Amino acid sequence: MGGVQMIACTTFSIVAWDPARQEWGVAVASKFLAAGAVVPWARAGAGAVATQSYANTRFGPEGLARMAQGLSAEETLAALLAEDPEREKRQVGLVDRQGRAAAFTGSECLPWAGHRIGEGFCCQGNLLVDERTLEAMAGAFLKASGELADRLVIALLAGDRAGGDRRGRQSAAILVVREGGGYGGFNDRYMDLRVDDDPDPVVKLKDLVELHHLYFGAPRPEDLLPIDEALTREIQQLLRHAGYYSGEITGVYDEATRRALETLFGIENLEERWHPGDRIDRTAWAFLCRRFGFTEGH
């Protein structure tokens, strides 16, 4: 590589596709600073790539470009490896826009190294304790429910607890894309979360995924609570305690109460869960009660 010293990005990852939501994603963990800055790549309508083990980061954008043009994961992988004279140092996993998976583990990857390919996903890792890491990841992913991000982080946690990187833990990341899935619908980056340096990064990443669901999840109709007189009194008491309401505790959901509550939703970054009518999202209300030390129904 022209005399440039390469640092091995020894890690384990999972790349997957969700046909129902048309999402592609990658989750990764490693004893490597900020693995999320190197390993995961994804583009809606194209696919996803994990590049690791002396990672060739060109595999990310070039692989996505080829799959966006219609090449399968296998065809893309073959083309990437053919152009890389140091391919035996590389490890890569891909899922194309139709969910077809492919993976490669070079003969010079640090042991234990290998990959597992399943329907719509692949798991890969190097410098692992043993093969149980990938077996645990694949099994957990297949059994998990929820959206793709949840299944990815469950798989990553299973691999971490089964052994993971034999050097220890440092970073973890998740990237999930879908058309118009980004903030405000302006790009495809539905979820892009990283834990760059932490003693237990996968657990921290799982916490961040749950926070993402809280802040950016849309309220479901069945989770909208009617704001009746009793709930209004609780809302007014919480708002007064938090410093956003100075009126009387009347139990009447008047304009002053509504404005104060909407302001608090905005301050707490809960805009996506705001309902303009006379109902409130159960998840957001529970969060606000915890945030300000209130017990629901007190």
C-alpha atoms as a PDB file:
ATOM      1  CA  MET A   1       0.000   0.000   0.000  1.00  0.00           C
ATOM      2  CA  GLY A   2       2.699   2.451  -0.999  1.00  0.00           C
ATOM      3  CA  GLY A   3       4.551   2.126   2.309  1.00  0.00           C
ATOM      4  CA  VAL A   4       1.543   3.298   4.350  1.00  0.00           C
ATOM      5  CA  GLN A   5       1.134   1.295   7.545  1.00  0.00           C
ATOM      6  CA  MET A   6      -2.295  -0.270   7.836  1.00  0.00           C
ATOM      7  CA  ILE A   7      -4.035  -0.910  11.143  1.00  0.00           C
ATOM      8  CA  ALA A   8      -6.200  -4.013  11.316  1.00  0.00           C
ATOM      9  CA  CYS A   9      -9.872  -3.197  11.906  1.00  0.00           C
ATOM     10  CA  THR A  10     -10.535  -6.453  13.710  1.00  0.00           C
ATOM     11  CA  THR A  11     -14.218  -6.641  14.428  1.00  0.00           C
ATOM     12  CA  PHE A  12     -17.533  -8.437  14.088  1.00  0.00           C
ATOM     13  CA  SER A  13     -20.524  -7.152  12.183  1.00  0.00           C
ATOM     14  CA  ILE A  14     -23.863  -8.011  10.646  1.00  0.00           C
ATOM     15  CA  VAL A  15     -25.277  -6.680   7.375  1.00  0.00           C
ATOM     16  CA  ALA A  16     -28.985  -7.170   6.653  1.00  0.00           C
ATOM     17  CA  TRP A  17     -32.088  -6.215   4.667  1.00  0.00           C
ATOM     18  CA  ASP A  18     -35.713  -5.786   5.722  1.00  0.00           C
ATOM     19  CA  PRO A  19     -38.005  -6.365   2.728  1.00  0.00           C
ATOM     20  CA  ALA A  20     -41.152  -5.148   4.492  1.00  0.00           C
ATOM     21  CA  ARG A  21     -39.766  -1.717   5.423  1.00  0.00           C
ATOM     22  CA  GLN A  22     -37.260  -1.622   2.542  1.00  0.00           C
ATOM     23  CA  GLU A  23     -34.377  -0.945   4.925  1.00  0.00           C
ATOM     24  CA  TRP A  24     -30.714  -1.895   4.726  1.00  0.00           C
ATOM     25  CA  GLY A  25     -28.415  -1.829   7.705  1.00  0.00           C
ATOM     26  CA  VAL A  26     -25.105  -2.660   9.356  1.00  0.00           C
ATOM     27  CA  ALA A  27     -24.230  -3.121  13.024  1.00  0.00           C
ATOM     28  CA  VAL A  28     -20.619  -3.466  14.156  1.00  0.00           C
ATOM     29  CA  ALA A  29     -18.555  -3.812  17.336  1.00  0.00           C
ATOM     30  CA  SER A  30     -14.804  -3.891  17.895  1.00  0.00           C
ATOM     31  CA  LYS A  31     -11.830  -3.277  20.158  1.00  0.00           C
ATOM     32  CA  PHE A  32     -11.020  -0.429  17.776  1.00  0.00           C
ATOM     33  CA  LEU A  33     -11.617   3.292  18.207  1.00  0.00           C
ATOM     34  CA  ALA A  34     -14.695   4.487  16.298  1.00  0.00           C
ATOM     35  CA  ALA A  35     -15.277   1.384  14.184  1.00  0.00           C
ATOM     36  CA  GLY A  36     -18.450   3.093  12.974  1.00  0.00           C
ATOM     37  CA  ALA A  37     -16.317   5.578  11.050  1.00  0.00           C
ATOM     38  CA  VAL A  38     -14.742   2.771   8.992  1.00  0.00           C
ATOM     39  CA  VAL A  39     -16.879  -0.358   8.716  1.00  0.00           C
ATOM     40  CA  PRO A  40     -20.567   0.409   7.893  1.00  0.00           C
ATOM     41  CA  TRP A  41     -21.831   1.701   4.554  1.00  0.00           C
ATOM     42  CA  ALA A  42     -25.404   1.696   3.236  1.00  0.00           C
ATOM     43  CA  ARG A  43     -27.607   3.392   0.654  1.00  0.00           C
ATOM     44  CA  ALA A  44     -31.357   3.027   0.225  1.00  0.00           C
ATOM     45  CA  GLY A  45     -32.238   1.188  -2.969  1.00  0.00           C
ATOM     46  CA  ALA A  46     -28.662  -0.084  -3.337  1.00  0.00           C
ATOM     47  CA  GLY A  47     -27.671  -2.199  -0.326  1.00  0.00           C
ATOM     48  CA  ALA A  48     -25.255  -2.297   2.575  1.00  0.00           C
ATOM     49  CA  VAL A  49     -21.575  -3.116   3.064  1.00  0.00           C
ATOM     50  CA  ALA A  50     -19.340  -3.913   6.031  1.00  0.00           C
ATOM     51  CA  THR A  51     -15.634  -3.623   5.274  1.00  0.00           C
ATOM     52  CA  GLN A  52     -13.136  -4.702   7.946  1.00  0.00           C
ATOM     53  CA  SER A  53      -9.799  -6.424   8.677  1.00  0.00           C
ATOM     54  CA  TYR A  54      -7.227  -3.978   7.284  1.00  0.00           C
ATOM     55  CA  ALA A  55     -10.384  -2.404   5.911  1.00  0.00           C
ATOM     56  CA  ASN A  56     -10.403  -1.175   2.340  1.00  0.00           C
ATOM     57  CA  THR A  57     -12.837   1.719   2.761  1.00  0.00           C
ATOM     58  CA  ARG A  58     -13.207   1.987  -1.021  1.00  0.00           C
ATOM     59  CA  PHE A  59     -15.302  -1.175  -0.794  1.00  0.00           C
ATOM     60  CA  GLY A  60     -18.065   0.923   0.800  1.00  0.00           C
ATOM     61  CA  PRO A  61     -18.835   3.594  -1.797  1.00  0.00           C
ATOM     62  CA  GLU A  62     -17.693   1.487  -4.751  1.00  0.00           C
ATOM     63  CA  GLY A  63     -19.716  -1.496  -3.637  1.00  0.00           C
ATOM     64  CA  LEU A  64     -22.836   0.600  -3.158  1.00  0.00           C
ATOM     65  CA  ALA A  65     -22.382   2.237  -6.549  1.00  0.00           C
ATOM     66  CA  ARG A  66     -22.159  -1.160  -8.262  1.00  0.00           C
ATOM     67  CA  MET A  67     -25.201  -2.542  -6.459  1.00  0.00           C
ATOM     68  CA  ALA A  68     -27.163   0.644  -7.248  1.00  0.00           C
ATOM     69  CA  GLN A  69     -26.458  -0.107 -10.918  1.00  0.00           C
ATOM     70  CA  GLY A  70     -28.049  -3.540 -10.525  1.00  0.00           C
ATOM     71  CA  LEU A  71     -25.129  -5.837  -9.778  1.00  0.00           C
ATOM     72  CA  SER A  72     -25.806  -8.551  -7.234  1.00  0.00           C
ATOM     73  CA  ALA A  73     -23.904  -8.818  -3.976  1.00  0.00           C
ATOM     74  CA  GLU A  74     -21.880 -11.738  -5.377  1.00  0.00           C
ATOM     75  CA  GLU A  75     -21.036  -9.866  -8.580  1.00  0.00           C
ATOM     76  CA  THR A  76     -20.100  -6.751  -6.627  1.00  0.00           C
ATOM     77  CA  LEU A  77     -17.917  -8.702  -4.224  1.00  0.00           C
ATOM     78  CA  ALA A  78     -16.087 -10.413  -7.070  1.00  0.00           C
ATOM     79  CA  ALA A  79     -15.405  -7.078  -8.774  1.00  0.00           C
ATOM     80  CA  LEU A  80     -14.136  -5.424  -5.579  1.00  0.00           C
ATOM     81  CA  LEU A  81     -11.782  -8.279  -4.753  1.00  0.00           C
ATOM     82  CA  ALA A  82     -10.479  -8.504  -8.311  1.00  0.00           C
ATOM     83  CA  GLU A  83      -9.319  -4.883  -8.086  1.00  0.00           C
ATOM     84  CA  ASP A  84      -7.601  -5.264  -4.688  1.00  0.00           C
ATOM     85  CA  PRO A  85      -4.078  -6.774  -4.709  1.00  0.00           C
ATOM     86  CA  GLU A  86      -4.249  -7.200  -0.923  1.00  0.00           C
ATOM     87  CA  ARG A  87      -7.631  -8.897  -0.888  1.00  0.00           C
ATOM     88  CA  GLU A  88      -6.426 -11.764   1.325  1.00  0.00           C
ATOM     89  CA  LYS A  89      -6.142  -9.263   4.212  1.00  0.00           C
ATOM     90  CA  ARG A  90      -9.749  -8.134   3.796  1.00  0.00           C
ATOM     91  CA  GLN A  91     -13.054  -9.179   5.211  1.00  0.00           C
ATOM     92  CA  VAL A  92     -16.292  -7.873   3.755  1.00  0.00           C
ATOM     93  CA  GLY A  93     -20.016  -8.589   3.899  1.00  0.00           C
ATOM     94  CA  LEU A  94     -22.665  -7.242   1.509  1.00  0.00           C
ATOM     95  CA  VAL A  95     -26.416  -7.316   1.012  1.00  0.00           C
ATOM     96  CA  ASP A  96     -27.761  -6.005  -2.275  1.00  0.00           C
ATOM     97  CA  ARG A  97     -31.013  -4.200  -3.039  1.00  0.00           C
ATOM     98  CA  GLN A  98     -32.878  -7.500  -3.393  1.00  0.00           C
ATOM     99  CA  GLY A  99     -31.546  -8.850  -0.109  1.00  0.00           C
ATOM    100  CA  ARG A 100     -29.020 -11.247  -1.616  1.00  0.00           C
ATOM    101  CA  ALA A 101     -26.017 -11.620   0.682  1.00  0.00           C
ATOM    102  CA  ALA A 102     -22.352 -12.344   0.017  1.00  0.00           C
ATOM    103  CA  ALA A 103     -19.236 -12.353   2.181  1.00  0.00           C
ATOM    104  CA  PHE A 104     -15.490 -12.924   1.983  1.00  0.00           C
ATOM    105  CA  THR A 105     -12.846 -13.677   4.593  1.00  0.00           C
ATOM    106  CA  GLY A 106      -9.284 -13.452   3.291  1.00  0.00           C
ATOM    107  CA  SER A 107      -6.711 -16.101   4.161  1.00  0.00           C
ATOM    108  CA  GLU A 108      -4.553 -13.489   5.945  1.00  0.00           C
ATOM    109  CA  CYS A 109      -7.284 -12.266   8.308  1.00  0.00           C
ATOM    110  CA  LEU A 110      -6.307 -12.712  11.941  1.00  0.00           C
ATOM    111  CA  PRO A 111      -7.849 -15.821  13.559  1.00  0.00           C
ATOM    112  CA  TRP A 112     -10.442 -16.728  14.512  1.00  0.00           C
ATOM    113  CA  ALA A 113     -11.949 -15.343  11.335  1.00  0.00           C
ATOM    114  CA  GLY A 114     -14.938 -16.341   9.259  1.00  0.00           C
ATOM    115  CA  HIS A 115     -18.431 -15.476   8.093  1.00  0.00           C
ATOM    116  CA  ARG A 116     -21.973 -16.843   8.011  1.00  0.00           C
ATOM    117  CA  ILE A 117     -24.472 -16.119   5.223  1.00  0.00           C
ATOM    118  CA  GLY A 118     -28.238 -16.380   5.718  1.00  0.00           C
ATOM    119  CA  GLU A 119     -31.407 -15.308   3.960  1.00  0.00           C
ATOM    120  CA  GLY A 120     -31.128 -11.528   3.657  1.00  0.00           C
ATOM    121  CA  PHE A 121     -28.125 -11.150   5.977  1.00  0.00           C
ATOM    122  CA  CYS A 122     -24.517 -12.088   6.646  1.00  0.00           C
ATOM    123  CA  CYS A 123     -22.335 -12.026   9.757  1.00  0.00           C
ATOM    124  CA  GLN A 124     -18.543 -11.700   9.657  1.00  0.00           C
ATOM    125  CA  GLY A 125     -15.740 -11.332  12.156  1.00  0.00           C
ATOM    126  CA  ASN A 126     -12.016 -11.638  12.652  1.00  0.00           C
ATOM    127  CA  LEU A 127      -9.712 -11.850  15.669  1.00  0.00           C
ATOM    128  CA  LEU A 128     -12.671 -13.366  17.506  1.00  0.00           C
ATOM    129  CA  VAL A 129     -12.598 -15.646  20.532  1.00  0.00           C
ATOM    130  CA  ASP A 130     -14.071 -18.399  18.328  1.00  0.00           C
ATOM    131  CA  GLU A 131     -16.854 -19.175  15.850  1.00  0.00           C
ATOM    132  CA  ARG A 132     -19.556 -19.043  18.531  1.00  0.00           C
ATOM    133  CA  THR A 133     -19.697 -15.258  18.104  1.00  0.00           C
ATOM    134  CA  LEU A 134     -21.063 -15.540  14.572  1.00  0.00           C
ATOM    135  CA  GLU A 135     -23.305 -18.491  15.393  1.00  0.00           C
ATOM    136  CA  ALA A 136     -24.858 -16.509  18.247  1.00  0.00           C
ATOM    137  CA  MET A 137     -25.343 -13.459  16.019  1.00  0.00           C
ATOM    138  CA  ALA A 138     -27.041 -15.407  13.236  1.00  0.00           C
ATOM    139  CA  GLY A 139     -29.293 -17.280  15.647  1.00  0.00           C
ATOM    140  CA  ALA A 140     -30.302 -14.140  17.526  1.00  0.00           C
ATOM    141  CA  PHE A 141     -31.039 -12.211  14.341  1.00  0.00           C
ATOM    142  CA  LEU A 142     -33.309 -14.958  13.001  1.00  0.00           C
ATOM    143  CA  LYS A 143     -35.244 -15.194  16.275  1.00  0.00           C
ATOM    144  CA  ALA A 144     -35.501 -11.462  16.971  1.00  0.00           C
ATOM    145  CA  SER A 145     -38.613  -9.397  16.291  1.00  0.00           C
ATOM    146  CA  GLY A 146     -39.150  -5.692  15.762  1.00  0.00           C
ATOM    147  CA  GLU A 147     -37.733  -3.413  13.120  1.00  0.00           C
ATOM    148  CA  LEU A 148     -34.380  -3.990  11.464  1.00  0.00           C
ATOM    149  CA  ALA A 149     -32.455  -1.766  13.888  1.00  0.00           C
ATOM    150  CA  ASP A 150     -33.733  -3.759  16.862  1.00  0.00           C
ATOM    151  CA  ARG A 151     -32.829  -7.079  15.259  1.00  0.00           C
ATOM    152  CA  LEU A 152     -29.352  -5.848  14.337  1.00  0.00           C
ATOM    153  CA  VAL A 153     -28.499  -4.642  17.830  1.00  0.00           C
ATOM    154  CA  ILE A 154     -29.911  -7.843  19.393  1.00  0.00           C
ATOM    155  CA  ALA A 155     -27.657  -9.869  17.103  1.00  0.00           C
ATOM    156  CA  LEU A 156     -24.665  -7.696  17.930  1.00  0.00           C
ATOM    157  CA  LEU A 157     -25.267  -8.071  21.656  1.00  0.00           C
ATOM    158  CA  ALA A 158     -25.567 -11.853  21.295  1.00  0.00           C
ATOM    159  CA  GLY A 159     -22.218 -11.973  19.484  1.00  0.00           C
ATOM    160  CA  ASP A 160     -20.610  -9.741  22.078  1.00  0.00           C
ATOM    161  CA  ARG A 161     -21.791 -11.928  24.949  1.00  0.00           C
ATOM    162  CA  ALA A 162     -20.753 -15.122  23.132  1.00  0.00           C
ATOM    163  CA  GLY A 163     -17.132 -13.973  22.951  1.00  0.00           C
ATOM    164  CA  GLY A 164     -16.735 -11.170  20.450  1.00  0.00           C
ATOM    165  CA  ASP A 165     -13.383  -9.538  19.781  1.00  0.00           C
ATOM    166  CA  ARG A 166     -10.792 -11.477  21.780  1.00  0.00           C
ATOM    167  CA  ARG A 167      -8.934  -8.271  22.626  1.00  0.00           C
ATOM    168  CA  GLY A 168     -11.915  -6.789  24.444  1.00  0.00           C
ATOM    169  CA  ARG A 169     -14.427  -4.005  23.794  1.00  0.00           C
ATOM    170  CA  GLN A 170     -14.212  -0.377  22.707  1.00  0.00           C
ATOM    171  CA  SER A 171     -16.687   0.785  20.065  1.00  0.00           C
ATOM    172  CA  ALA A 172     -19.963  -0.115  18.367  1.00  0.00           C
ATOM    173  CA  ALA A 173     -22.197   1.424  15.725  1.00  0.00           C
ATOM    174  CA  ILE A 174     -25.394   0.946  13.758  1.00  0.00           C
ATOM    175  CA  LEU A 175     -26.401   2.387  10.386  1.00  0.00           C
ATOM    176  CA  VAL A 176     -29.883   1.822   8.914  1.00  0.00           C
ATOM    177  CA  VAL A 177     -31.155   3.479   5.739  1.00  0.00           C
ATOM    178  CA  ARG A 178     -34.450   3.683   3.882  1.00  0.00           C
ATOM    179  CA  GLU A 179     -35.789   6.042   1.228  1.00  0.00           C
ATOM    180  CA  GLY A 180     -36.702   9.348   2.902  1.00  0.00           C
ATOM    181  CA  GLY A 181     -35.956   7.864   6.323  1.00  0.00           C
ATOM    182  CA  GLY A 182     -33.664  10.643   7.541  1.00  0.00           C
ATOM    183  CA  TYR A 183     -34.623  13.583   9.739  1.00  0.00           C
ATOM    184  CA  GLY A 184     -37.307  15.615   7.977  1.00  0.00           C
ATOM    185  CA  GLY A 185     -37.326  13.088   5.125  1.00  0.00           C
ATOM    186  CA  PHE A 186     -34.454  14.841   3.346  1.00  0.00           C
ATOM    187  CA  ASN A 187     -32.105  11.826   3.080  1.00  0.00           C
ATOM    188  CA  ASP A 188     -32.086   8.063   3.631  1.00  0.00           C
ATOM    189  CA  ARG A 189     -30.194   7.984   6.956  1.00  0.00           C
ATOM    190  CA  TYR A 190     -32.903   6.642   9.245  1.00  0.00           C
ATOM    191  CA  MET A 191     -30.532   5.630  12.055  1.00  0.00           C
ATOM    192  CA  ASP A 192     -26.836   6.460  12.359  1.00  0.00           C
ATOM    193  CA  LEU A 193     -25.591   5.912  15.912  1.00  0.00           C
ATOM    194  CA  ARG A 194     -22.062   5.398  17.229  1.00  0.00           C
ATOM    195  CA  VAL A 195     -20.365   4.618  20.509  1.00  0.00           C
ATOM    196  CA  ASP A 196     -16.739   5.427  19.775  1.00  0.00           C
ATOM    197  CA  ASP A 197     -15.024   4.633  23.087  1.00  0.00           C
ATOM    198  CA  ASP A 198     -16.788   2.869  25.951  1.00  0.00           C
ATOM    199  CA  PRO A 199     -16.077  -0.125  28.233  1.00  0.00           C
ATOM    200  CA  ASP A 200     -19.351  -1.795  27.195  1.00  0.00           C
ATOM    201  CA  PRO A 201     -20.193  -0.221  23.829  1.00  0.00           C
ATOM    202  CA  VAL A 202     -22.835  -2.657  22.581  1.00  0.00           C
ATOM    203  CA  VAL A 203     -24.995  -2.169  25.677  1.00  0.00           C
ATOM    204  CA  LYS A 204     -24.589   1.593  25.273  1.00  0.00           C
ATOM    205  CA  LEU A 205     -25.534   1.286  21.608  1.00  0.00           C
ATOM    206  CA  LYS A 206     -28.693  -0.621  22.526  1.00  0.00           C
ATOM    207  CA  ASP A 207     -29.610   2.245  24.869  1.00  0.00           C
ATOM    208  CA  LEU A 208     -29.087   4.742  22.051  1.00  0.00           C
ATOM    209  CA  VAL A 209     -31.328   2.742  19.716  1.00  0.00           C
ATOM    210  CA  GLU A 210     -34.086   2.870  22.336  1.00  0.00           C
ATOM    211  CA  LEU A 211     -33.590   6.638  22.679  1.00  0.00           C
ATOM    212  CA  HIS A 212     -33.831   6.967  18.912  1.00  0.00           C
ATOM    213  CA  HIS A 213     -37.182   5.181  19.004  1.00  0.00           C
ATOM    214  CA  LEU A 214     -38.322   7.577  21.728  1.00  0.00           C
ATOM    215  CA  TYR A 215     -37.281  10.797  20.001  1.00  0.00           C
ATOM    216  CA  PHE A 216     -38.013   9.917  16.386  1.00  0.00           C
ATOM    217  CA  GLY A 217     -40.707   7.251  16.606  1.00  0.00           C
ATOM    218  CA  ALA A 218     -44.207   8.248  15.503  1.00  0.00           C
ATOM    219  CA  PRO A 219     -47.011   7.757  18.047  1.00  0.00           C
ATOM    220  CA  ARG A 220     -49.312   4.834  17.298  1.00  0.00           C
ATOM    221  CA  PRO A 221     -53.068   5.508  17.417  1.00  0.00           C
ATOM    222  CA  GLU A 222     -53.523   2.950  20.199  1.00  0.00           C
ATOM    223  CA  ASP A 223     -50.910   4.788  22.315  1.00  0.00           C
ATOM    224  CA  LEU A 224     -52.694   8.159  22.286  1.00  0.00           C
ATOM    225  CA  LEU A 225     -54.226   8.848  25.698  1.00  0.00           C
ATOM    226  CA  PRO A 226     -57.335  11.071  25.949  1.00  0.00           C
ATOM    227  CA  ILE A 227     -56.498  14.189  27.957  1.00  0.00           C
ATOM    228  CA  ASP A 228     -59.372  14.072  30.412  1.00  0.00           C
ATOM    229  CA  GLU A 229     -59.750  16.131  33.587  1.00  0.00           C
ATOM    230  CA  ALA A 230     -57.639  13.813  35.763  1.00  0.00           C
ATOM    231  CA  LEU A 231     -54.789  13.649  33.246  1.00  0.00           C
ATOM    232  CA  THR A 232     -54.958  17.413  32.699  1.00  0.00           C
ATOM    233  CA  ARG A 233     -54.390  17.968  36.421  1.00  0.00           C
ATOM    234  CA  GLU A 234     -51.318  15.726  36.268  1.00  0.00           C
ATOM    235  CA  ILE A 235     -50.061  17.567  33.195  1.00  0.00           C
ATOM    236  CA  GLN A 236     -50.534  20.943  34.855  1.00  0.00           C
ATOM    237  CA  GLN A 237     -48.766  19.767  38.012  1.00  0.00           C
ATOM    238  CA  LEU A 238     -45.813  18.424  36.013  1.00  0.00           C
ATOM    239  CA  LEU A 239     -45.635  21.597  33.920  1.00  0.00           C
ATOM    240  CA  ARG A 240     -45.676  23.761  37.035  1.00  0.00           C
ATOM    241  CA  HIS A 241     -42.947  21.613  38.643  1.00  0.00           C
ATOM    242  CA  ALA A 242     -40.847  21.864  35.454  1.00  0.00           C
ATOM    243  CA  GLY A 243     -41.290  25.661  35.313  1.00  0.00           C
ATOM    244  CA  TYR A 244     -43.403  25.875  32.154  1.00  0.00           C
ATOM    245  CA  TYR A 245     -46.813  26.683  33.668  1.00  0.00           C
ATOM    246  CA  SER A 246     -47.797  29.157  36.374  1.00  0.00           C
ATOM    247  CA  GLY A 247     -51.578  28.887  36.241  1.00  0.00           C
ATOM    248  CA  GLU A 248     -54.017  27.123  38.526  1.00  0.00           C
ATOM    249  CA  ILE A 249     -54.426  23.357  38.647  1.00  0.00           C
ATOM    250  CA  THR A 250     -57.919  23.346  37.135  1.00  0.00           C
ATOM    251  CA  GLY A 251     -58.157  20.093  35.187  1.00  0.00           C
ATOM    252  CA  VAL A 252     -59.186  22.132  32.149  1.00  0.00           C
ATOM    253  CA  TYR A 253     -57.028  21.554  29.060  1.00  0.00           C
ATOM    254  CA  ASP A 254     -57.082  25.181  28.008  1.00  0.00           C
ATOM    255  CA  GLU A 255     -54.862  27.045  25.570  1.00  0.00           C
ATOM    256  CA  ALA A 256     -52.319  28.034  28.227  1.00  0.00           C
ATOM    257  CA  THR A 257     -51.870  24.418  29.274  1.00  0.00           C
ATOM    258  CA  ARG A 258     -51.642  23.211  25.688  1.00  0.00           C
ATOM    259  CA  ARG A 259     -49.014  25.834  24.779  1.00  0.00           C
ATOM    260  CA  ALA A 260     -46.941  25.010  27.849  1.00  0.00           C
ATOM    261  CA  LEU A 261     -47.068  21.284  27.089  1.00  0.00           C
ATOM    262  CA  GLU A 262     -46.123  21.824  23.445  1.00  0.00           C
ATOM    263  CA  THR A 263     -43.182  23.970  24.575  1.00  0.00           C
ATOM    264  CA  LEU A 264     -41.998  21.220  26.910  1.00  0.00           C
ATOM    265  CA  PHE A 265     -42.272  18.644  24.122  1.00  0.00           C
ATOM    266  CA  GLY A 266     -40.055  20.878  21.984  1.00  0.00           C
ATOM    267  CA  ILE A 267     -37.491  21.471  24.746  1.00  0.00           C
ATOM    268  CA  GLU A 268     -37.241  17.711  25.351  1.00  0.00           C
ATOM    269  CA  ASN A 269     -36.890  16.938  21.601  1.00  0.00           C
ATOM    270  CA  LEU A 270     -40.219  15.106  21.482  1.00  0.00           C
ATOM    271  CA  GLU A 271     -41.659  17.009  18.519  1.00  0.00           C
ATOM    272  CA  GLU A 272     -42.193  13.804  16.520  1.00  0.00           C
ATOM    273  CA  ARG A 273     -44.505  12.541  19.296  1.00  0.00           C
ATOM    274  CA  TRP A 274     -46.575  15.723  19.653  1.00  0.00           C
ATOM    275  CA  HIS A 275     -50.310  15.378  18.941  1.00  0.00           C
ATOM    276  CA  PRO A 276     -52.084  18.701  18.291  1.00  0.00           C
ATOM    277  CA  GLY A 277     -55.496  17.553  19.550  1.00  0.00           C
ATOM    278  CA  ASP A 278     -56.751  16.512  22.945  1.00  0.00           C
ATOM    279  CA  ARG A 279     -54.631  13.369  23.218  1.00  0.00           C
ATOM    280  CA  ILE A 280     -51.059  12.721  24.338  1.00  0.00           C
ATOM    281  CA  ASP A 281     -48.619   9.999  23.316  1.00  0.00           C
ATOM    282  CA  ARG A 282     -48.308   7.415  26.089  1.00  0.00           C
ATOM    283  CA  THR A 283     -44.568   6.871  25.481  1.00  0.00           C
ATOM    284  CA  ALA A 284     -43.784  10.602  25.589  1.00  0.00           C
ATOM    285  CA  TRP A 285     -45.890  11.134  28.717  1.00  0.00           C
ATOM    286  CA  ALA A 286     -44.168   8.238  30.518  1.00  0.00           C
ATOM    287  CA  PHE A 287     -40.782   9.701  29.569  1.00  0.00           C
ATOM    288  CA  LEU A 288     -41.724  13.156  30.894  1.00  0.00           C
ATOM    289  CA  CYS A 289     -42.927  11.655  34.165  1.00  0.00           C
ATOM    290  CA  ARG A 290     -39.602   9.844  34.602  1.00  0.00           C
ATOM    291  CA  ARG A 291     -37.674  12.915  33.515  1.00  0.00           C
ATOM    292  CA  PHE A 292     -39.268  15.111  36.197  1.00  0.00           C
ATOM    293  CA  GLY A 293     -39.687  12.488  38.895  1.00  0.00           C
ATOM    294  CA  PHE A 294     -43.451  12.136  38.648  1.00  0.00           C
ATOM    295  CA  THR A 295     -45.438   8.926  39.075  1.00  0.00           C
ATOM    296  CA  GLU A 296     -48.184   8.476  36.491  1.00  0.00           C
ATOM    297  CA  GLY A 297     -51.608   8.559  38.111  1.00  0.00           C
ATOM    298  CA  HIS A 298     -50.241  10.096  41.329  1.00  0.00           C
END
